[in-house]
Structure formats: structure tokens, C-alpha cells
Amino acid sequence: MTWPMTPHVGMALAPHRLAAVLPDGRTLETDDVSDLGQVFRDLRARAGLSRARVALALVPPLVELRTLTLPPMKDFERQRIIERDARRYFVNVSEPLVIGTARSSTGVVAAAVPAELLTRIESAIALAGWSLATVIPAPFAWTAGVPDGQIAISLEQGVEVLRVAGHRLLERRRYRTVPAGCPTLPDPLVTAARHAWASGAPELVSTARRAVRRRVTKRVITASLAAAAALLFVAGGLDYWGLAHRLRTIETRRAALAPAVASAIAASDSLGTMTGGLTTLRTLTASNRRWSTFLTDLADFLPRDAHLVALRVAGDSATLEGVAERSAGVFDALEQMPSISGLRAAAPIQRDIQADGSVREHFAFDASLAASGRRP
């Protein structure tokens, strides 16, 4: 089982040698790698680590590298194509291969390792009680541990010269001897072990280990989806509970405010009624004052020999019908009233001769009242 604080151990494996760099900086080596299971058990005992995560760098000729030119495609498509045509790219290997790919500045780097060797490495590390983190080609570990420029690596089968820029592998060539003037890497295995955790390298994963990774990924995704669904359900429940709580709070506040609101509405209705009554009273008062003034003036200005038999009012006008000895005198008198702004005959003057020989005239006048009750 892997824990967050599991120690990291870097290793490098060559055909006849293995080097390991421990977390405390110690270096462990062995020249007997015929039984990998025993080698890793011995390393565990010598390191004193009951558990560890291992990054392993494979040194050529255990791993083969090719730089390929392929059209743009997705990573899984590129991996599938190179695995399908592995014999085309790695002609010197006849046994089943495990392929790893990575993009580089010059194209695509493909790495191949015998499937049987990779399976033995994975099984040996697991039997030792350690966990395997990654397996990469050693040239990428060397690249991460050397400065820019060219560096020569002396191996059993010859010399590899790497051209490096920014800790990235730009070019790789093979020679029989070290080229003149080219610096040599002091201990390739220890350097590779120290930088076996380098990123950007083609990772070599067996079919069984890749299937385990897929299952783990599937379980993680399933667990994540279940957790997301649970969180969504909880969030929905909390939101519903919060909404119901707010609704209950609002209802409680509304119930508490209901008496005050009812009182305010009743007061508003009473105020409206009072306002309407005051407006009506003001109108009636103004109107009554106007007609009172008119009637007072009429009593003052109407001649003594005249009296009214009918008075009809409508709006700001009045019709006066009456009897007098002389209608002309009545007309002249009414015309002098301050509360009348206009006066005209409403009907022809009718004369009536009494039994004693006196004459009485019937008149009818239309009067218009002044706007303010008095003419200016």
C-alpha cells in the first residue's frame, strides 16, 4: 500500500549491474542481477526501508530508443500505432516488446523493452514489498543530470553521445570510442539512478500493469462520481432545508406584522374617507358661500315693488322670474349686483292690468354669477 510520505528510491539497471540512490543520499550497488527478486530483497534489507516507491531507469541495450516522424495525433493513437508496427521500428528485437512514447522537439521518441524483462522487474519489486512508480529509458535520466552541450556515456556495447539543451535530449549518437574533446559522464548508472524521476520521458508499462492502472482509474472515477452525486444530493437537501427555513421565518414575520398591517390599512382607509369628506365640505363651503352672497345681494338690490315667483340655479347661472311695476327698473337694479357678472332677458316682458287699473309686468332674467362671488 502506498502512503503520501512513502520514501522515493531511484534505480538504474544495466545488463550486469544495478545502482540505487536512497532518500538519505546513500548509494547501493550490485554486480549480480541474474535473480532480480533476490536483488530487490537484498536492497530492501540493506536500505532498511520496509516500504518505498521505486523509479527505475533502464540502460541500453536493455532498452531501445528511436526518434520517429509522425503526423499530429493524440497520445493514445500514437501509442497504438507504434505498438502495432513495433517490428517495423525495432528490427533488431524478435521477442514481444512493451512500447513507450513521448513527444520531443525533434518528433516522437519511442522506447522498447522486452515484455518478459519488464514483467520480471515489476514482479521482483512487488515481491520485495516495494511499489513501482515508473520505468524510463536511462538516456532521459542522463539528460536531466547533465549541463547543456554534449556528453559521452561509456557503456559495455559502446559509447553514446547525447546533445542536451535545457535538460532536454536533442540528439543521440553511437560511437565505438569517446570522440575527441567530448566530456565523459563519470558514473552513468549512479547518475541515471539519481535522476530516474525525470519527467517527460517515455514511460514503459506492461500490459498487466496498464490494466491495473485502468481499473484503479475506473474505481477513482466511479468513486469521484459517487462522491459528486452525494455532495449534490446533500447540497440539494441543505438548499431545500434552507429554503423551507426561510419560508417559515417569513411566514412567522408576516403573522407578527399582520395586526400592524391591518391597523395601517384601516387608518389609511379612514384617512382617505376623511380626505374625501374634507374635499366635499370645502367644495360645498365655497359653493354655499357663493350662493349666500348672491341671495344677500338679491335681497338688497331687488326693488321694493318687485318680488320673485321663481328662482332656478344651475352651476354658476340662475334664472329669476318675478313681478314688478317696472321690469326695466328690476333689470337695472340687478345689473348693479356685485355677485352677478352678466345679466340678460330670458323671456319677453309680459304686462298684466289689475282690476284697480294698475299695471304689473312679469319678467324673466338669466344671471351669471361672478367667479369669486364678487365682481372686481
Protein backbone atom coordinates (compact mmCIF):
# COMPACT_ATOMS: atom_id res chain seq x y z
CA MET A 1 0.00 0.00 0.00
CA THR A 2 1.34 3.43 -0.94
CA TRP A 3 1.27 6.28 1.59
CA PRO A 4 1.74 10.01 0.95
CA MET A 5 5.10 10.03 2.80
CA THR A 6 6.48 6.86 1.20
CA PRO A 7 10.27 7.24 0.60
CA HIS A 8 11.39 7.53 -3.02
CA VAL A 9 14.22 5.37 -4.32
CA GLY A 10 15.87 5.91 -7.71
CA MET A 11 17.46 2.95 -9.50
CA ALA A 12 19.34 2.20 -12.74
CA LEU A 13 19.59 -1.28 -14.24
CA ALA A 14 22.23 -2.42 -16.78
CA PRO A 15 22.81 -5.96 -18.11
CA HIS A 16 25.38 -6.72 -15.38
CA ARG A 17 24.88 -4.04 -12.73
CA LEU A 18 22.28 -2.24 -10.64
CA ALA A 19 22.68 1.02 -8.72
CA ALA A 20 20.22 2.55 -6.25
CA VAL A 21 20.17 6.03 -4.67
CA LEU A 22 18.33 6.15 -1.33
CA PRO A 23 16.43 9.14 0.11
CA ASP A 24 19.29 9.84 2.55
CA GLY A 25 21.80 10.08 -0.34
CA ARG A 26 23.39 6.67 0.12
CA THR A 27 24.26 4.67 -2.98
CA LEU A 28 23.84 0.88 -3.10
CA GLU A 29 25.20 -1.23 -5.95
CA THR A 30 25.40 -4.85 -7.02
CA ASP A 31 27.01 -6.66 -9.95
CA ASP A 32 24.83 -9.76 -9.72
CA VAL A 33 21.48 -9.13 -11.37
CA SER A 34 20.68 -12.64 -12.53
CA ASP A 35 17.94 -13.08 -9.89
CA LEU A 36 16.09 -9.77 -9.72
CA GLY A 37 13.79 -10.97 -6.94
CA GLN A 38 16.73 -11.66 -4.66
CA VAL A 39 18.44 -8.42 -5.74
CA PHE A 40 15.49 -6.28 -4.65
CA ARG A 41 15.02 -8.20 -1.40
CA ASP A 42 18.69 -7.63 -0.57
CA LEU A 43 18.37 -3.94 -1.45
CA ARG A 44 15.39 -3.60 0.85
CA ALA A 45 17.29 -5.19 3.72
CA ARG A 46 20.41 -3.07 3.11
CA ALA A 47 18.38 0.15 2.74
CA GLY A 48 16.34 -0.52 5.88
CA LEU A 49 13.14 0.64 4.18
CA SER A 50 10.06 -1.51 4.73
CA ARG A 51 8.24 0.39 2.01
CA ALA A 52 9.35 2.64 -0.82
CA ARG A 53 8.38 3.88 -4.25
CA VAL A 54 10.84 2.99 -6.98
CA ALA A 55 11.67 4.83 -10.19
CA LEU A 56 13.83 2.68 -12.46
CA ALA A 57 15.97 3.79 -15.41
CA LEU A 58 16.84 1.07 -17.95
CA VAL A 59 20.29 1.36 -19.50
CA PRO A 60 20.84 0.33 -23.14
CA PRO A 61 20.92 -2.33 -24.51
CA LEU A 62 18.06 -3.30 -22.14
CA VAL A 63 16.02 -0.56 -23.78
CA GLU A 64 15.97 0.62 -27.38
CA LEU A 65 15.19 4.20 -28.48
CA ARG A 66 14.02 5.53 -31.84
CA THR A 67 13.17 9.06 -32.95
CA LEU A 68 10.20 8.93 -35.34
CA THR A 69 8.39 11.45 -37.50
CA LEU A 70 4.61 11.04 -37.29
CA PRO A 71 1.67 13.28 -38.22
CA PRO A 72 -0.10 15.12 -35.39
CA MET A 73 -2.32 12.78 -33.37
CA LYS A 74 -3.48 12.10 -29.85
CA ASP A 75 -1.21 10.31 -27.39
CA PHE A 76 -3.22 7.09 -27.23
CA GLU A 77 -3.45 6.97 -31.04
CA ARG A 78 0.32 7.40 -31.36
CA GLN A 79 0.92 4.68 -28.76
CA ARG A 80 -1.42 2.27 -30.56
CA ILE A 81 0.15 2.85 -33.97
CA ILE A 82 3.72 2.32 -32.77
CA GLU A 83 2.74 -0.80 -30.79
CA ARG A 84 1.05 -2.22 -33.88
CA ASP A 85 4.12 -1.57 -36.08
CA ALA A 86 6.78 -2.26 -33.42
CA ARG A 87 8.70 -4.72 -35.65
CA ARG A 88 8.94 -2.04 -38.29
CA TYR A 89 10.65 0.45 -35.98
CA PHE A 90 12.69 -2.00 -33.84
CA VAL A 91 14.05 -4.52 -36.36
CA ASN A 92 16.79 -5.95 -34.13
CA VAL A 93 14.39 -7.28 -31.48
CA SER A 94 12.46 -10.50 -32.06
CA GLU A 95 10.73 -11.05 -28.70
CA PRO A 96 7.48 -9.35 -27.58
CA LEU A 97 8.01 -5.69 -26.73
CA VAL A 98 6.49 -3.07 -24.46
CA ILE A 99 6.41 0.34 -26.12
CA GLY A 100 6.51 3.79 -24.52
CA THR A 101 6.26 7.08 -26.41
CA ALA A 102 6.80 10.76 -25.71
CA ARG A 103 6.82 13.89 -27.82
CA SER A 104 10.09 15.77 -28.23
CA SER A 105 11.34 18.87 -30.04
CA THR A 106 12.53 16.71 -32.95
CA GLY A 107 9.48 14.46 -33.30
CA VAL A 108 8.32 11.42 -31.34
CA VAL A 109 10.63 9.33 -29.18
CA ALA A 110 9.68 5.65 -28.96
CA ALA A 111 11.22 3.30 -26.39
CA ALA A 112 11.01 -0.50 -26.45
CA VAL A 113 11.84 -3.06 -23.78
CA PRO A 114 11.31 -6.83 -23.85
CA ALA A 115 7.96 -7.60 -22.22
CA GLU A 116 9.45 -10.54 -20.26
CA LEU A 117 12.16 -8.32 -18.69
CA LEU A 118 9.66 -5.65 -17.68
CA THR A 119 7.36 -8.25 -16.14
CA ARG A 120 10.26 -9.70 -14.10
CA ILE A 121 11.20 -6.22 -12.86
CA GLU A 122 7.62 -5.40 -11.81
CA SER A 123 7.17 -8.77 -10.06
CA ALA A 124 10.54 -8.57 -8.26
CA ILE A 125 9.82 -5.09 -6.88
CA ALA A 126 6.33 -6.14 -5.76
CA LEU A 127 7.66 -9.29 -4.04
CA ALA A 128 10.22 -7.18 -2.19
CA GLY A 129 7.34 -5.17 -0.66
CA TRP A 130 8.08 -2.00 -2.59
CA SER A 131 5.88 -0.29 -5.21
CA LEU A 132 6.96 0.60 -8.73
CA ALA A 133 6.27 4.18 -9.71
CA THR A 134 7.76 4.38 -13.20
CA VAL A 135 10.23 2.80 -15.63
CA ILE A 136 12.00 5.09 -18.12
CA PRO A 137 14.94 4.88 -20.56
CA ALA A 138 18.25 5.89 -18.94
CA PRO A 139 19.16 8.49 -21.62
CA PHE A 140 16.36 10.71 -20.32
CA ALA A 141 17.69 10.40 -16.77
CA TRP A 142 21.19 11.31 -18.01
CA THR A 143 19.75 14.32 -19.83
CA ALA A 144 18.18 15.59 -16.58
CA GLY A 145 21.52 15.32 -14.76
CA VAL A 146 24.00 16.97 -17.15
CA PRO A 147 24.57 20.56 -18.32
CA ASP A 148 23.82 21.81 -21.82
CA GLY A 149 26.11 20.64 -24.58
CA GLN A 150 27.48 17.20 -25.49
CA ILE A 151 28.23 14.40 -23.04
CA ALA A 152 29.65 10.92 -23.69
CA ILE A 153 28.38 7.86 -21.82
CA SER A 154 30.65 4.81 -21.90
CA LEU A 155 28.66 1.58 -21.93
CA GLU A 156 29.55 -2.10 -22.42
CA GLN A 157 28.40 -2.13 -26.05
CA GLY A 158 29.95 1.22 -27.00
CA VAL A 159 29.72 4.96 -26.42
CA GLU A 160 26.58 7.08 -26.60
CA VAL A 161 26.93 10.82 -27.17
CA LEU A 162 23.97 12.97 -26.15
CA ARG A 163 23.36 16.57 -27.15
CA VAL A 164 21.42 18.34 -24.43
CA ALA A 165 19.73 21.76 -24.22
CA GLY A 166 17.67 22.85 -21.23
CA HIS A 167 17.78 19.29 -19.80
CA ARG A 168 16.12 18.04 -22.98
CA LEU A 169 17.50 15.38 -25.28
CA LEU A 170 18.05 16.89 -28.72
CA GLU A 171 20.26 14.26 -30.38
CA ARG A 172 21.66 10.80 -29.60
CA ARG A 173 24.52 9.11 -31.46
CA ARG A 174 26.56 5.94 -31.00
CA TYR A 175 30.36 5.65 -31.32
CA ARG A 176 32.92 2.93 -30.76
CA THR A 177 35.14 5.25 -28.71
CA VAL A 178 34.73 8.58 -26.99
CA PRO A 179 35.02 11.44 -29.56
CA ALA A 180 37.93 13.79 -29.04
CA GLY A 181 37.15 16.72 -26.78
CA CYS A 182 33.82 15.31 -25.60
CA PRO A 183 33.42 15.17 -21.78
CA THR A 184 32.53 11.81 -20.27
CA LEU A 185 29.87 11.12 -17.67
CA PRO A 186 31.71 9.74 -14.58
CA ASP A 187 29.28 7.01 -13.46
CA PRO A 188 26.31 6.56 -15.83
CA LEU A 189 24.38 4.16 -13.55
CA VAL A 190 24.56 6.33 -10.43
CA THR A 191 23.62 9.42 -12.45
CA ALA A 192 20.70 7.60 -14.02
CA ALA A 193 19.54 6.32 -10.62
CA ARG A 194 19.75 9.81 -9.10
CA HIS A 195 17.59 11.31 -11.90
CA ALA A 196 15.26 8.34 -12.53
CA TRP A 197 12.32 10.55 -11.54
CA ALA A 198 12.87 12.79 -14.59
CA SER A 199 9.67 13.96 -16.27
CA GLY A 200 8.86 13.98 -19.97
CA ALA A 201 10.40 10.55 -20.64
CA PRO A 202 8.58 7.66 -22.37
CA GLU A 203 7.13 5.51 -19.60
CA LEU A 204 7.35 1.74 -20.02
CA VAL A 205 4.31 -0.03 -18.60
CA SER A 206 3.49 -3.70 -19.05
CA THR A 207 0.09 -4.86 -20.25
CA ALA A 208 -0.85 -6.24 -16.82
CA ARG A 209 0.22 -3.07 -15.02
CA ARG A 210 -1.61 -0.90 -17.54
CA ALA A 211 -4.77 -2.95 -16.90
CA VAL A 212 -4.35 -2.41 -13.15
CA ARG A 213 -3.97 1.32 -13.74
CA ARG A 214 -7.13 1.36 -15.82
CA ARG A 215 -9.04 -0.45 -13.08
CA VAL A 216 -7.73 1.92 -10.45
CA THR A 217 -8.59 4.90 -12.64
CA LYS A 218 -12.05 3.49 -13.22
CA ARG A 219 -12.57 2.99 -9.47
CA VAL A 220 -11.34 6.51 -8.75
CA ILE A 221 -13.65 7.96 -11.39
CA THR A 222 -16.58 5.91 -10.07
CA ALA A 223 -15.84 6.97 -6.51
CA SER A 224 -15.50 10.58 -7.62
CA LEU A 225 -18.82 10.44 -9.45
CA ALA A 226 -20.48 8.84 -6.43
CA ALA A 227 -18.98 11.47 -4.14
CA ALA A 228 -20.10 14.23 -6.53
CA ALA A 229 -23.63 12.76 -6.62
CA ALA A 230 -23.67 12.50 -2.82
CA LEU A 231 -22.46 16.07 -2.47
CA LEU A 232 -25.07 17.22 -4.98
CA PHE A 233 -27.77 15.39 -3.01
CA VAL A 234 -26.55 16.89 0.26
CA ALA A 235 -26.32 20.34 -1.31
CA GLY A 236 -29.86 19.97 -2.65
CA GLY A 237 -31.08 18.85 0.77
CA LEU A 238 -29.36 21.73 2.50
CA ASP A 239 -30.73 24.18 -0.05
CA TYR A 240 -34.23 22.78 0.39
CA TRP A 241 -33.91 22.89 4.17
CA GLY A 242 -32.60 26.46 3.99
CA LEU A 243 -35.45 27.48 1.68
CA ALA A 244 -38.05 25.87 3.93
CA HIS A 245 -36.45 27.52 6.96
CA ARG A 246 -36.52 30.92 5.27
CA LEU A 247 -40.16 30.41 4.25
CA ARG A 248 -41.10 29.55 7.82
CA THR A 249 -39.24 32.61 9.06
CA ILE A 250 -41.04 34.83 6.55
CA GLU A 251 -44.42 33.35 7.49
CA THR A 252 -43.70 33.95 11.17
CA ARG A 253 -42.73 37.55 10.49
CA ARG A 254 -45.79 38.07 8.33
CA ALA A 255 -48.02 36.69 11.09
CA ALA A 256 -46.34 39.02 13.60
CA LEU A 257 -46.79 42.03 11.31
CA ALA A 258 -50.39 41.20 10.34
CA PRO A 259 -52.08 43.21 13.16
CA ALA A 260 -49.93 46.25 12.48
CA VAL A 261 -50.60 45.99 8.74
CA ALA A 262 -54.36 45.68 9.33
CA SER A 263 -54.28 48.74 11.57
CA ALA A 264 -52.30 50.67 8.97
CA ILE A 265 -54.75 49.68 6.22
CA ALA A 266 -57.72 50.72 8.39
CA ALA A 267 -56.02 54.02 9.21
CA SER A 268 -55.30 54.56 5.52
CA ASP A 269 -58.96 53.90 4.64
CA SER A 270 -60.10 56.28 7.39
CA LEU A 271 -57.71 58.92 6.19
CA GLY A 272 -58.96 58.54 2.64
CA THR A 273 -62.55 58.86 3.81
CA MET A 274 -61.69 61.94 5.86
CA THR A 275 -59.81 63.49 2.96
CA GLY A 276 -62.76 62.92 0.64
CA GLY A 277 -65.13 64.41 3.18
CA LEU A 278 -62.95 67.46 3.64
CA THR A 279 -62.75 67.97 -0.11
CA THR A 280 -66.53 67.73 -0.40
CA LEU A 281 -67.00 70.05 2.55
CA ARG A 282 -64.56 72.54 1.07
CA THR A 283 -66.44 72.44 -2.24
CA LEU A 284 -69.79 72.80 -0.55
CA THR A 285 -68.49 75.58 1.65
CA ALA A 286 -67.17 77.52 -1.33
CA SER A 287 -70.40 76.90 -3.23
CA ASN A 288 -72.63 77.83 -0.29
CA ARG A 289 -70.65 80.98 0.38
CA ARG A 290 -71.10 81.92 -3.25
CA TRP A 291 -74.88 81.44 -3.26
CA SER A 292 -75.23 83.02 0.14
CA THR A 293 -73.55 86.13 -1.21
CA PHE A 294 -75.84 86.08 -4.23
CA LEU A 295 -79.03 85.78 -2.17
CA THR A 296 -77.87 88.52 0.19
CA ASP A 297 -77.17 90.86 -2.72
CA LEU A 298 -80.51 89.93 -4.33
CA ALA A 299 -82.41 90.93 -1.18
CA ASP A 300 -80.54 94.24 -1.06
CA PHE A 301 -80.81 95.24 -4.73
CA LEU A 302 -84.28 93.94 -5.68
CA PRO A 303 -86.69 96.96 -5.83
CA ARG A 304 -89.49 97.19 -3.23
CA ASP A 305 -92.21 96.99 -5.82
CA ALA A 306 -90.82 93.72 -7.20
CA HIS A 307 -90.92 90.17 -5.93
CA LEU A 308 -89.71 86.83 -7.24
CA VAL A 309 -92.03 83.99 -8.09
CA ALA A 310 -89.30 81.50 -9.16
CA LEU A 311 -85.53 81.07 -8.75
CA ARG A 312 -83.74 78.26 -10.61
CA VAL A 313 -79.97 77.75 -10.31
CA ALA A 314 -77.65 75.51 -12.34
CA GLY A 315 -73.85 75.62 -11.98
CA ASP A 316 -72.80 79.29 -11.99
CA SER A 317 -76.02 80.65 -13.52
CA ALA A 318 -79.51 81.45 -12.18
CA THR A 319 -82.88 82.22 -13.73
CA LEU A 320 -85.02 84.78 -11.89
CA GLU A 321 -88.74 85.08 -12.60
CA GLY A 322 -90.87 87.70 -10.87
CA VAL A 323 -93.41 90.56 -10.98
CA ALA A 324 -92.75 94.32 -10.71
CA GLU A 325 -94.30 97.61 -11.66
CA ARG A 326 -91.38 98.25 -13.99
CA SER A 327 -89.22 95.37 -15.27
CA ALA A 328 -86.62 97.82 -16.56
CA GLY A 329 -86.01 99.06 -13.02
CA VAL A 330 -85.53 95.48 -11.83
CA PHE A 331 -83.06 94.82 -14.67
CA ASP A 332 -81.08 97.97 -13.84
CA ALA A 333 -81.02 97.12 -10.14
CA LEU A 334 -79.91 93.52 -10.67
CA GLU A 335 -77.22 94.59 -13.07
CA GLN A 336 -75.59 96.55 -10.22
CA MET A 337 -75.23 93.43 -8.03
CA PRO A 338 -71.52 92.65 -7.33
CA SER A 339 -72.16 88.88 -7.37
CA ILE A 340 -73.54 88.96 -10.92
CA SER A 341 -71.11 89.13 -13.84
CA GLY A 342 -73.73 89.10 -16.57
CA LEU A 343 -77.48 89.58 -16.99
CA ARG A 344 -79.86 89.11 -19.91
CA ALA A 345 -83.59 88.70 -20.54
CA ALA A 346 -84.70 85.12 -20.56
CA ALA A 347 -88.18 85.81 -21.98
CA PRO A 348 -90.25 88.76 -23.29
CA ILE A 349 -91.80 91.11 -20.73
CA GLN A 350 -95.49 90.41 -20.13
CA ARG A 351 -97.86 93.10 -18.82
CA ASP A 352 -100.86 92.41 -16.61
CA ILE A 353 -103.56 95.13 -15.90
CA GLN A 354 -105.06 94.79 -12.46
CA ALA A 355 -108.71 95.44 -11.51
CA ASP A 356 -107.84 98.82 -10.00
CA GLY A 357 -106.23 99.85 -13.25
CA SER A 358 -102.62 99.40 -12.16
CA VAL A 359 -100.12 97.57 -14.42
CA ARG A 360 -97.86 94.72 -13.32
CA GLU A 361 -95.02 93.33 -15.51
CA HIS A 362 -93.83 89.71 -15.49
CA PHE A 363 -90.06 89.35 -16.11
CA ALA A 364 -87.57 86.51 -16.53
CA PHE A 365 -83.80 87.19 -16.38
CA ASP A 366 -80.74 84.89 -16.74
CA ALA A 367 -77.91 85.87 -14.39
CA SER A 368 -74.29 84.65 -14.48
CA LEU A 369 -72.50 84.60 -11.13
CA ALA A 370 -69.05 86.13 -10.75
CA ALA A 371 -66.17 83.58 -10.43
CA SER A 372 -65.12 84.71 -6.93
CA GLY A 373 -68.60 85.61 -5.81
CA ARG A 374 -67.91 89.36 -6.36
CA ARG A 375 -67.07 91.35 -9.40
CA PRO A 376 -63.76 93.19 -9.14
